[in-house]
Protein backbone atom coordinates (compact mmCIF):
# COMPACT_ATOMS: atom_id res chain seq x y z
CA UNK A 1 142.48 67.94 61.62
CA UNK A 2 141.14 67.05 58.18
CA UNK A 3 139.79 63.53 58.47
CA UNK A 4 138.22 63.17 55.01
CA UNK A 5 138.99 64.68 51.62
CA UNK A 6 136.52 64.50 48.73
CA UNK A 7 137.45 64.57 45.07
CA UNK A 8 135.96 63.84 41.66
CA UNK A 9 133.47 66.67 41.39
CA UNK A 10 133.03 68.72 38.27
CA UNK A 11 130.71 69.78 35.47
CA UNK A 12 128.68 67.10 33.72
CA UNK A 13 125.77 67.11 31.30
CA UNK A 14 122.31 65.84 32.26
CA UNK A 15 122.22 62.08 31.91
CA UNK A 16 125.93 61.81 32.52
CA UNK A 17 127.86 60.03 35.24
CA UNK A 18 130.38 61.01 37.85
CA UNK A 19 132.26 59.14 40.55
CA UNK A 20 133.13 60.90 43.77
CA UNK A 21 135.85 59.70 46.11
CA UNK A 22 136.47 60.33 49.78
CA UNK A 23 139.87 59.54 51.26
CA UNK A 24 140.16 58.89 54.97
CA UNK A 25 143.10 60.02 57.06
CA UNK A 26 145.47 57.27 58.08
CA UNK A 27 144.88 58.10 61.74
CA UNK A 28 141.35 56.73 61.49
CA UNK A 29 140.53 53.07 61.76
CA UNK A 30 138.38 53.45 58.66
CA UNK A 31 136.95 49.95 58.80
CA UNK A 32 135.24 50.86 62.07
CA UNK A 33 133.34 53.83 60.61
CA UNK A 34 129.81 53.94 59.34
CA UNK A 35 129.92 56.48 56.50
CA UNK A 36 127.50 58.67 54.64
CA UNK A 37 127.23 61.05 51.71
CA UNK A 38 125.41 64.37 51.99
CA UNK A 39 124.82 67.27 49.65
CA UNK A 40 123.82 70.90 49.79
CA UNK A 41 122.34 72.78 46.86
CA UNK A 42 122.42 76.59 46.63
CA UNK A 43 119.89 78.11 49.00
CA UNK A 44 118.88 74.71 50.32
CA UNK A 45 119.42 72.75 53.51
CA UNK A 46 122.04 70.06 53.58
CA UNK A 47 120.42 66.71 52.86
CA UNK A 48 121.32 63.09 53.33
CA UNK A 49 122.14 61.15 50.19
CA UNK A 50 123.05 57.70 51.43
CA UNK A 51 124.80 55.62 54.05
CA UNK A 52 126.99 52.54 54.06
CA UNK A 53 127.84 50.29 56.98
CA UNK A 54 131.39 49.94 58.23
CA UNK A 55 131.90 46.65 56.42
CA UNK A 56 130.13 47.78 53.26
CA UNK A 57 127.42 45.16 53.51
CA UNK A 58 124.44 47.41 54.19
CA UNK A 59 123.48 50.49 52.19
CA UNK A 60 120.60 52.93 52.22
CA UNK A 61 119.67 55.86 49.99
CA UNK A 62 117.46 58.89 49.84
CA UNK A 63 114.47 58.47 47.55
CA UNK A 64 115.72 61.22 45.26
CA UNK A 65 118.82 59.24 44.30
CA UNK A 66 117.74 55.64 44.78
CA UNK A 67 118.40 53.59 41.67
CA UNK A 68 120.82 56.14 40.28
CA UNK A 69 123.51 56.50 42.94
CA UNK A 70 125.62 53.75 44.49
CA UNK A 71 127.77 53.98 47.60
CA UNK A 72 130.75 51.69 47.98
CA UNK A 73 133.92 51.52 50.00
CA UNK A 74 137.34 49.91 50.05
CA UNK A 75 138.52 49.70 53.62
CA UNK A 76 141.97 48.47 52.66
CA UNK A 77 142.43 51.63 50.59
CA UNK A 78 140.67 53.81 53.15
CA UNK A 79 138.30 55.05 50.45
CA UNK A 80 134.60 55.81 50.19
CA UNK A 81 132.92 56.25 46.80
CA UNK A 82 129.72 57.62 45.34
CA UNK A 83 128.90 56.51 41.81
CA UNK A 84 126.34 58.88 40.31
CA UNK A 85 124.52 57.90 37.12
CA UNK A 86 121.71 59.49 35.12
CA UNK A 87 122.52 62.83 36.65
CA UNK A 88 119.89 65.56 36.69
CA UNK A 89 120.21 69.33 37.09
CA UNK A 90 118.65 69.01 40.54
CA UNK A 91 121.64 66.91 41.60
CA UNK A 92 123.76 70.06 41.43
CA UNK A 93 125.22 70.60 44.89
CA UNK A 94 128.31 70.45 47.02
CA UNK A 95 128.77 66.83 48.04
CA UNK A 96 130.25 65.87 51.38
CA UNK A 97 131.36 62.62 52.90
CA UNK A 98 130.78 62.24 56.61
CA UNK A 99 131.38 59.62 59.23
CA UNK A 100 128.33 58.71 61.29
CA UNK A 101 129.94 56.56 63.93
CA UNK A 102 131.87 55.98 66.09
CA UNK A 103 132.74 59.68 65.70
CA UNK A 104 131.40 62.37 63.38
CA UNK A 105 133.72 64.10 60.93
CA UNK A 106 132.91 66.09 57.80
CA UNK A 107 134.92 66.41 54.62
CA UNK A 108 135.45 69.76 52.90
CA UNK A 109 133.08 68.99 50.04
CA UNK A 110 133.36 68.80 46.27
CA UNK A 111 131.21 70.69 43.77
CA UNK A 112 129.03 68.78 41.33
CA UNK A 113 127.30 70.79 38.62
CA UNK A 114 124.88 69.15 36.21
CA UNK A 115 124.16 71.42 33.28
CA UNK A 116 124.24 71.50 29.51
């Protein structure tokens, strides 16, 4: 039932970096899936962070993270990544990977806390 599993979250200081990973279940033809990263801060609505095309050629980002975050993927390894640099306290949230198409699946999420 679990199609994606996130990892790599943790506590980092402002200005630091963190790399999140999302592993896809072997049952999925991962190379066919358009993928996205989302996050939800305490007391806030879940928001879109960025999206990557199935082949990894096209990427888009929310304004709040553009220039600081980078989405990538390795279809052979069935992995999705989110490289986060220059982290700010407002980046604190639970981060989720999610498939957009052809079917929608959510991961369980991984906590990222940016604090000194």
